[in-house]
Amino acid sequence: MNTIEVIREFFGWCSIINIGLLALSAILIIPLRKTVCRIHGKMFDLDERYLSQAYFQYLAQYKIAIFILNIVLYFALKLMS
């Protein structure tokens, strides 16, 4: 068992799981945005317009983190082996 192969497989599975969570978050935020905004607005005393921007920013930053911390490392290890 080669160590690079194990680490590469780990980052591959991390990428798949994180992309799935990102997709699930995006899919759930779209139809449930009003409900989630109402709940978070009451909890944190925030405006709905600000919360919509915060949700979009969350999805964008999570996508960038997945790309940098999982997918890039996976392909770098793929090139090394």
PDB file of N, CA and C in Angstrom:
ATOM      1  N   MET A   1       0.857  -1.182   0.000  1.00  0.00           N
ATOM      2  CA  MET A   1       0.000   0.000   0.000  1.00  0.00           C
ATOM      3  C   MET A   1       0.901   1.243   0.000  1.00  0.00           C
ATOM      4  N   ASN A   2       0.700   2.068  -0.985  1.00  0.00           N
ATOM      5  CA  ASN A   2       1.501   3.271  -1.129  1.00  0.00           C
ATOM      6  C   ASN A   2       0.840   4.430  -0.380  1.00  0.00           C
ATOM      7  N   THR A   3       1.626   5.194   0.351  1.00  0.00           N
ATOM      8  CA  THR A   3       1.092   6.283   1.175  1.00  0.00           C
ATOM      9  C   THR A   3       0.447   7.378   0.321  1.00  0.00           C
ATOM     10  N   ILE A   4       1.075   7.729  -0.788  1.00  0.00           N
ATOM     11  CA  ILE A   4       0.519   8.776  -1.654  1.00  0.00           C
ATOM     12  C   ILE A   4      -0.839   8.333  -2.199  1.00  0.00           C
ATOM     13  N   GLU A   5      -0.972   7.072  -2.532  1.00  0.00           N
ATOM     14  CA  GLU A   5      -2.252   6.579  -3.050  1.00  0.00           C
ATOM     15  C   GLU A   5      -3.353   6.655  -1.997  1.00  0.00           C
ATOM     16  N   VAL A   6      -3.005   6.341  -0.752  1.00  0.00           N
ATOM     17  CA  VAL A   6      -3.986   6.412   0.340  1.00  0.00           C
ATOM     18  C   VAL A   6      -4.414   7.856   0.575  1.00  0.00           C
ATOM     19  N   ILE A   7      -3.453   8.764   0.582  1.00  0.00           N
ATOM     20  CA  ILE A   7      -3.773  10.186   0.797  1.00  0.00           C
ATOM     21  C   ILE A   7      -4.592  10.718  -0.381  1.00  0.00           C
ATOM     22  N   ARG A   8      -4.230  10.315  -1.594  1.00  0.00           N
ATOM     23  CA  ARG A   8      -4.983  10.754  -2.774  1.00  0.00           C
ATOM     24  C   ARG A   8      -6.426  10.266  -2.704  1.00  0.00           C
ATOM     25  N   GLU A   9      -6.610   9.015  -2.309  1.00  0.00           N
ATOM     26  CA  GLU A   9      -7.962   8.476  -2.176  1.00  0.00           C
ATOM     27  C   GLU A   9      -8.733   9.222  -1.085  1.00  0.00           C
ATOM     28  N   PHE A  10      -8.048   9.570   0.005  1.00  0.00           N
ATOM     29  CA  PHE A  10      -8.673  10.347   1.079  1.00  0.00           C
ATOM     30  C   PHE A  10      -9.179  11.684   0.556  1.00  0.00           C
ATOM     31  N   PHE A  11      -8.340  12.413  -0.187  1.00  0.00           N
ATOM     32  CA  PHE A  11      -8.765  13.705  -0.714  1.00  0.00           C
ATOM     33  C   PHE A  11      -9.850  13.552  -1.777  1.00  0.00           C
ATOM     34  N   GLY A  12      -9.832  12.448  -2.506  1.00  0.00           N
ATOM     35  CA  GLY A  12     -10.902  12.198  -3.463  1.00  0.00           C
ATOM     36  C   GLY A  12     -12.241  12.038  -2.765  1.00  0.00           C
ATOM     37  N   TRP A  13     -12.274  11.243  -1.695  1.00  0.00           N
ATOM     38  CA  TRP A  13     -13.517  11.062  -0.937  1.00  0.00           C
ATOM     39  C   TRP A  13     -13.929  12.346  -0.223  1.00  0.00           C
ATOM     40  N   CYS A  14     -12.955  13.090   0.288  1.00  0.00           N
ATOM     41  CA  CYS A  14     -13.275  14.389   0.912  1.00  0.00           C
ATOM     42  C   CYS A  14     -13.934  15.323  -0.107  1.00  0.00           C
ATOM     43  N   SER A  15     -13.408  15.326  -1.324  1.00  0.00           N
ATOM     44  CA  SER A  15     -13.981  16.172  -2.376  1.00  0.00           C
ATOM     45  C   SER A  15     -15.412  15.770  -2.681  1.00  0.00           C
ATOM     46  N   ILE A  16     -15.649  14.480  -2.812  1.00  0.00           N
ATOM     47  CA  ILE A  16     -17.001  13.995  -3.129  1.00  0.00           C
ATOM     48  C   ILE A  16     -17.985  14.358  -2.010  1.00  0.00           C
ATOM     49  N   ILE A  17     -17.578  14.134  -0.769  1.00  0.00           N
ATOM     50  CA  ILE A  17     -18.459  14.440   0.366  1.00  0.00           C
ATOM     51  C   ILE A  17     -18.735  15.935   0.453  1.00  0.00           C
ATOM     52  N   ASN A  18     -17.689  16.760   0.303  1.00  0.00           N
ATOM     53  CA  ASN A  18     -17.883  18.208   0.400  1.00  0.00           C
ATOM     54  C   ASN A  18     -18.698  18.766  -0.758  1.00  0.00           C
ATOM     55  N   ILE A  19     -18.508  18.244  -1.953  1.00  0.00           N
ATOM     56  CA  ILE A  19     -19.318  18.695  -3.085  1.00  0.00           C
ATOM     57  C   ILE A  19     -20.780  18.300  -2.869  1.00  0.00           C
ATOM     58  N   GLY A  20     -21.001  17.113  -2.304  1.00  0.00           N
ATOM     59  CA  GLY A  20     -22.369  16.700  -1.975  1.00  0.00           C
ATOM     60  C   GLY A  20     -23.017  17.613  -0.947  1.00  0.00           C
ATOM     61  N   LEU A  21     -22.263  17.977   0.089  1.00  0.00           N
ATOM     62  CA  LEU A  21     -22.801  18.900   1.103  1.00  0.00           C
ATOM     63  C   LEU A  21     -23.066  20.276   0.520  1.00  0.00           C
ATOM     64  N   LEU A  22     -22.192  20.736  -0.366  1.00  0.00           N
ATOM     65  CA  LEU A  22     -22.404  22.023  -1.022  1.00  0.00           C
ATOM     66  C   LEU A  22     -23.666  21.985  -1.879  1.00  0.00           C
ATOM     67  N   ALA A  23     -23.835  20.915  -2.635  1.00  0.00           N
ATOM     68  CA  ALA A  23     -25.026  20.784  -3.479  1.00  0.00           C
ATOM     69  C   ALA A  23     -26.294  20.717  -2.628  1.00  0.00           C
ATOM     70  N   LEU A  24     -26.247  19.939  -1.551  1.00  0.00           N
ATOM     71  CA  LEU A  24     -27.402  19.839  -0.662  1.00  0.00           C
ATOM     72  C   LEU A  24     -27.734  21.198  -0.041  1.00  0.00           C
ATOM     73  N   SER A  25     -26.719  21.928   0.400  1.00  0.00           N
ATOM     74  CA  SER A  25     -26.939  23.262   0.982  1.00  0.00           C
ATOM     75  C   SER A  25     -27.575  24.196  -0.033  1.00  0.00           C
ATOM     76  N   ALA A  26     -27.048  24.201  -1.247  1.00  0.00           N
ATOM     77  CA  ALA A  26     -27.592  25.087  -2.283  1.00  0.00           C
ATOM     78  C   ALA A  26     -29.019  24.697  -2.641  1.00  0.00           C
ATOM     79  N   ILE A  27     -29.266  23.398  -2.754  1.00  0.00           N
ATOM     80  CA  ILE A  27     -30.611  22.936  -3.108  1.00  0.00           C
ATOM     81  C   ILE A  27     -31.616  23.275  -2.012  1.00  0.00           C
ATOM     82  N   LEU A  28     -31.209  23.167  -0.750  1.00  0.00           N
ATOM     83  CA  LEU A  28     -32.129  23.457   0.353  1.00  0.00           C
ATOM     84  C   LEU A  28     -32.324  24.953   0.585  1.00  0.00           C
ATOM     85  N   ILE A  29     -31.300  25.754   0.325  1.00  0.00           N
ATOM     86  CA  ILE A  29     -31.423  27.196   0.545  1.00  0.00           C
ATOM     87  C   ILE A  29     -32.400  27.817  -0.456  1.00  0.00           C
ATOM     88  N   ILE A  30     -32.432  27.292  -1.673  1.00  0.00           N
ATOM     89  CA  ILE A  30     -33.298  27.889  -2.698  1.00  0.00           C
ATOM     90  C   ILE A  30     -34.783  27.816  -2.305  1.00  0.00           C
ATOM     91  N   PRO A  31     -35.360  26.644  -2.032  1.00  0.00           N
ATOM     92  CA  PRO A  31     -36.794  26.632  -1.711  1.00  0.00           C
ATOM     93  C   PRO A  31     -37.112  27.046  -0.274  1.00  0.00           C
ATOM     94  N   LEU A  32     -36.160  26.912   0.622  1.00  0.00           N
ATOM     95  CA  LEU A  32     -36.423  27.202   2.036  1.00  0.00           C
ATOM     96  C   LEU A  32     -35.852  28.548   2.496  1.00  0.00           C
ATOM     97  N   ARG A  33     -35.470  29.400   1.547  1.00  0.00           N
ATOM     98  CA  ARG A  33     -34.806  30.649   1.904  1.00  0.00           C
ATOM     99  C   ARG A  33     -35.665  31.533   2.814  1.00  0.00           C
ATOM    100  N   LYS A  34     -36.932  31.661   2.505  1.00  0.00           N
ATOM    101  CA  LYS A  34     -37.812  32.518   3.318  1.00  0.00           C
ATOM    102  C   LYS A  34     -37.905  32.000   4.757  1.00  0.00           C
ATOM    103  N   THR A  35     -38.081  30.702   4.902  1.00  0.00           N
ATOM    104  CA  THR A  35     -38.188  30.111   6.240  1.00  0.00           C
ATOM    105  C   THR A  35     -36.885  30.258   7.012  1.00  0.00           C
ATOM    106  N   VAL A  36     -35.773  29.942   6.347  1.00  0.00           N
ATOM    107  CA  VAL A  36     -34.470  30.030   7.005  1.00  0.00           C
ATOM    108  C   VAL A  36     -34.138  31.483   7.342  1.00  0.00           C
ATOM    109  N   CYS A  37     -34.458  32.398   6.438  1.00  0.00           N
ATOM    110  CA  CYS A  37     -34.220  33.829   6.709  1.00  0.00           C
ATOM    111  C   CYS A  37     -35.040  34.300   7.905  1.00  0.00           C
ATOM    112  N   ARG A  38     -36.274  33.834   8.000  1.00  0.00           N
ATOM    113  CA  ARG A  38     -37.118  34.236   9.121  1.00  0.00           C
ATOM    114  C   ARG A  38     -36.538  33.716  10.439  1.00  0.00           C
ATOM    115  N   ILE A  39     -36.110  32.453  10.446  1.00  0.00           N
ATOM    116  CA  ILE A  39     -35.540  31.864  11.667  1.00  0.00           C
ATOM    117  C   ILE A  39     -34.246  32.572  12.058  1.00  0.00           C
ATOM    118  N   HIS A  40     -33.323  32.712  11.097  1.00  0.00           N
ATOM    119  CA  HIS A  40     -32.046  33.355  11.402  1.00  0.00           C
ATOM    120  C   HIS A  40     -32.217  34.841  11.687  1.00  0.00           C
ATOM    121  N   GLY A  41     -33.184  35.459  11.028  1.00  0.00           N
ATOM    122  CA  GLY A  41     -33.452  36.876  11.294  1.00  0.00           C
ATOM    123  C   GLY A  41     -33.906  37.105  12.721  1.00  0.00           C
ATOM    124  N   LYS A  42     -34.746  36.218  13.230  1.00  0.00           N
ATOM    125  CA  LYS A  42     -35.196  36.345  14.620  1.00  0.00           C
ATOM    126  C   LYS A  42     -34.085  35.987  15.599  1.00  0.00           C
ATOM    127  N   MET A  43     -33.301  34.967  15.255  1.00  0.00           N
ATOM    128  CA  MET A  43     -32.237  34.528  16.170  1.00  0.00           C
ATOM    129  C   MET A  43     -31.151  35.588  16.327  1.00  0.00           C
ATOM    130  N   PHE A  44     -30.755  36.206  15.220  1.00  0.00           N
ATOM    131  CA  PHE A  44     -29.613  37.122  15.238  1.00  0.00           C
ATOM    132  C   PHE A  44     -29.991  38.567  14.961  1.00  0.00           C
ATOM    133  N   ASP A  45     -31.286  38.845  14.858  1.00  0.00           N
ATOM    134  CA  ASP A  45     -31.784  40.199  14.610  1.00  0.00           C
ATOM    135  C   ASP A  45     -31.132  40.817  13.363  1.00  0.00           C
ATOM    136  N   LEU A  46     -31.263  40.077  12.226  1.00  0.00           N
ATOM    137  CA  LEU A  46     -30.677  40.519  10.965  1.00  0.00           C
ATOM    138  C   LEU A  46     -31.764  40.709   9.915  1.00  0.00           C
ATOM    139  N   ASP A  47     -31.479  41.571   8.956  1.00  0.00           N
ATOM    140  CA  ASP A  47     -32.387  41.864   7.852  1.00  0.00           C
ATOM    141  C   ASP A  47     -32.353  40.725   6.830  1.00  0.00           C
ATOM    142  N   GLU A  48     -33.484  40.463   6.188  1.00  0.00           N
ATOM    143  CA  GLU A  48     -33.570  39.383   5.201  1.00  0.00           C
ATOM    144  C   GLU A  48     -32.635  39.622   4.016  1.00  0.00           C
ATOM    145  N   ARG A  49     -32.483  40.867   3.608  1.00  0.00           N
ATOM    146  CA  ARG A  49     -31.590  41.187   2.489  1.00  0.00           C
ATOM    147  C   ARG A  49     -30.142  40.855   2.844  1.00  0.00           C
ATOM    148  N   TYR A  50     -29.741  41.162   4.070  1.00  0.00           N
ATOM    149  CA  TYR A  50     -28.385  40.835   4.516  1.00  0.00           C
ATOM    150  C   TYR A  50     -28.189  39.322   4.595  1.00  0.00           C
ATOM    151  N   LEU A  51     -29.194  38.602   5.059  1.00  0.00           N
ATOM    152  CA  LEU A  51     -29.089  37.149   5.163  1.00  0.00           C
ATOM    153  C   LEU A  51     -28.972  36.483   3.803  1.00  0.00           C
ATOM    154  N   SER A  52     -29.689  36.972   2.802  1.00  0.00           N
ATOM    155  CA  SER A  52     -29.566  36.423   1.455  1.00  0.00           C
ATOM    156  C   SER A  52     -28.144  36.590   0.940  1.00  0.00           C
ATOM    157  N   GLN A  53     -27.566  37.747   1.206  1.00  0.00           N
ATOM    158  CA  GLN A  53     -26.172  37.992   0.815  1.00  0.00           C
ATOM    159  C   GLN A  53     -25.228  37.077   1.595  1.00  0.00           C
ATOM    160  N   ALA A  54     -25.501  36.859   2.858  1.00  0.00           N
ATOM    161  CA  ALA A  54     -24.656  35.998   3.684  1.00  0.00           C
ATOM    162  C   ALA A  54     -24.723  34.542   3.213  1.00  0.00           C
ATOM    163  N   TYR A  55     -25.898  34.075   2.803  1.00  0.00           N
ATOM    164  CA  TYR A  55     -26.026  32.715   2.296  1.00  0.00           C
ATOM    165  C   TYR A  55     -25.234  32.542   1.004  1.00  0.00           C
ATOM    166  N   PHE A  56     -25.339  33.534   0.119  1.00  0.00           N
ATOM    167  CA  PHE A  56     -24.587  33.474  -1.130  1.00  0.00           C
ATOM    168  C   PHE A  56     -23.084  33.486  -0.856  1.00  0.00           C
ATOM    169  N   GLN A  57     -22.649  34.330   0.072  1.00  0.00           N
ATOM    170  CA  GLN A  57     -21.234  34.400   0.419  1.00  0.00           C
ATOM    171  C   GLN A  57     -20.760  33.088   1.036  1.00  0.00           C
ATOM    172  N   TYR A  58     -21.576  32.482   1.883  1.00  0.00           N
ATOM    173  CA  TYR A  58     -21.240  31.187   2.480  1.00  0.00           C
ATOM    174  C   TYR A  58     -21.021  30.135   1.402  1.00  0.00           C
ATOM    175  N   LEU A  59     -21.947  30.042   0.446  1.00  0.00           N
ATOM    176  CA  LEU A  59     -21.827  29.047  -0.619  1.00  0.00           C
ATOM    177  C   LEU A  59     -20.589  29.304  -1.474  1.00  0.00           C
ATOM    178  N   ALA A  60     -20.312  30.557  -1.774  1.00  0.00           N
ATOM    179  CA  ALA A  60     -19.155  30.893  -2.594  1.00  0.00           C
ATOM    180  C   ALA A  60     -17.846  30.564  -1.866  1.00  0.00           C
ATOM    181  N   GLN A  61     -17.746  30.914  -0.590  1.00  0.00           N
ATOM    182  CA  GLN A  61     -16.525  30.638   0.158  1.00  0.00           C
ATOM    183  C   GLN A  61     -16.333  29.144   0.390  1.00  0.00           C
ATOM    184  N   TYR A  62     -17.413  28.413   0.595  1.00  0.00           N
ATOM    185  CA  TYR A  62     -17.321  26.972   0.774  1.00  0.00           C
ATOM    186  C   TYR A  62     -16.844  26.307  -0.518  1.00  0.00           C
ATOM    187  N   LYS A  63     -17.344  26.794  -1.648  1.00  0.00           N
ATOM    188  CA  LYS A  63     -16.926  26.260  -2.935  1.00  0.00           C
ATOM    189  C   LYS A  63     -15.444  26.513  -3.173  1.00  0.00           C
ATOM    190  N   ILE A  64     -14.956  27.686  -2.855  1.00  0.00           N
ATOM    191  CA  ILE A  64     -13.533  28.002  -2.998  1.00  0.00           C
ATOM    192  C   ILE A  64     -12.695  27.132  -2.079  1.00  0.00           C
ATOM    193  N   ALA A  65     -13.152  26.933  -0.856  1.00  0.00           N
ATOM    194  CA  ALA A  65     -12.414  26.093   0.101  1.00  0.00           C
ATOM    195  C   ALA A  65     -12.339  24.650  -0.386  1.00  0.00           C
ATOM    196  N   ILE A  66     -13.422  24.134  -0.932  1.00  0.00           N
ATOM    197  CA  ILE A  66     -13.417  22.773  -1.476  1.00  0.00           C
ATOM    198  C   ILE A  66     -12.405  22.676  -2.612  1.00  0.00           C
ATOM    199  N   PHE A  67     -12.431  23.656  -3.473  1.00  0.00           N
ATOM    200  CA  PHE A  67     -11.531  23.631  -4.622  1.00  0.00           C
ATOM    201  C   PHE A  67     -10.071  23.669  -4.182  1.00  0.00           C
ATOM    202  N   ILE A  68      -9.733  24.575  -3.277  1.00  0.00           N
ATOM    203  CA  ILE A  68      -8.335  24.736  -2.857  1.00  0.00           C
ATOM    204  C   ILE A  68      -7.881  23.610  -1.942  1.00  0.00           C
ATOM    205  N   LEU A  69      -8.679  23.242  -0.965  1.00  0.00           N
ATOM    206  CA  LEU A  69      -8.240  22.307   0.066  1.00  0.00           C
ATOM    207  C   LEU A  69      -8.479  20.846  -0.272  1.00  0.00           C
ATOM    208  N   ASN A  70      -9.280  20.543  -1.273  1.00  0.00           N
ATOM    209  CA  ASN A  70      -9.563  19.150  -1.609  1.00  0.00           C
ATOM    210  C   ASN A  70      -9.189  18.808  -3.042  1.00  0.00           C
ATOM    211  N   ILE A  71      -9.787  19.497  -3.980  1.00  0.00           N
ATOM    212  CA  ILE A  71      -9.637  19.115  -5.381  1.00  0.00           C
ATOM    213  C   ILE A  71      -8.225  19.375  -5.885  1.00  0.00           C
ATOM    214  N   VAL A  72      -7.654  20.517  -5.562  1.00  0.00           N
ATOM    215  CA  VAL A  72      -6.296  20.821  -6.005  1.00  0.00           C
ATOM    216  C   VAL A  72      -5.305  19.827  -5.412  1.00  0.00           C
ATOM    217  N   LEU A  73      -5.454  19.509  -4.138  1.00  0.00           N
ATOM    218  CA  LEU A  73      -4.559  18.540  -3.516  1.00  0.00           C
ATOM    219  C   LEU A  73      -4.732  17.154  -4.129  1.00  0.00           C
ATOM    220  N   TYR A  74      -5.948  16.778  -4.446  1.00  0.00           N
ATOM    221  CA  TYR A  74      -6.199  15.494  -5.080  1.00  0.00           C
ATOM    222  C   TYR A  74      -5.470  15.402  -6.422  1.00  0.00           C
ATOM    223  N   PHE A  75      -5.606  16.436  -7.260  1.00  0.00           N
ATOM    224  CA  PHE A  75      -4.954  16.403  -8.568  1.00  0.00           C
ATOM    225  C   PHE A  75      -3.434  16.510  -8.459  1.00  0.00           C
ATOM    226  N   ALA A  76      -2.934  17.234  -7.473  1.00  0.00           N
ATOM    227  CA  ALA A  76      -1.489  17.305  -7.271  1.00  0.00           C
ATOM    228  C   ALA A  76      -0.945  15.923  -6.923  1.00  0.00           C
ATOM    229  N   LEU A  77      -1.629  15.211  -6.034  1.00  0.00           N
ATOM    230  CA  LEU A  77      -1.192  13.862  -5.690  1.00  0.00           C
ATOM    231  C   LEU A  77      -1.376  12.899  -6.863  1.00  0.00           C
ATOM    232  N   LYS A  78      -2.383  13.119  -7.673  1.00  0.00           N
ATOM    233  CA  LYS A  78      -2.596  12.291  -8.865  1.00  0.00           C
ATOM    234  C   LYS A  78      -1.429  12.474  -9.836  1.00  0.00           C
ATOM    235  N   LEU A  79      -0.950  13.702  -9.979  1.00  0.00           N
ATOM    236  CA  LEU A  79       0.193  13.971 -10.859  1.00  0.00           C
ATOM    237  C   LEU A  79       1.482  13.361 -10.308  1.00  0.00           C
ATOM    238  N   MET A  80       1.600  13.333  -8.990  1.00  0.00           N
ATOM    239  CA  MET A  80       2.824  12.797  -8.380  1.00  0.00           C
ATOM    240  C   MET A  80       2.935  11.286  -8.537  1.00  0.00           C
ATOM    241  N   SER A  81       1.812  10.584  -8.582  1.00  0.00           N
ATOM    242  CA  SER A  81       1.888   9.124  -8.628  1.00  0.00           C
ATOM    243  C   SER A  81       1.892   8.590 -10.046  1.00  0.00           C
TER     244      SER A  81
END
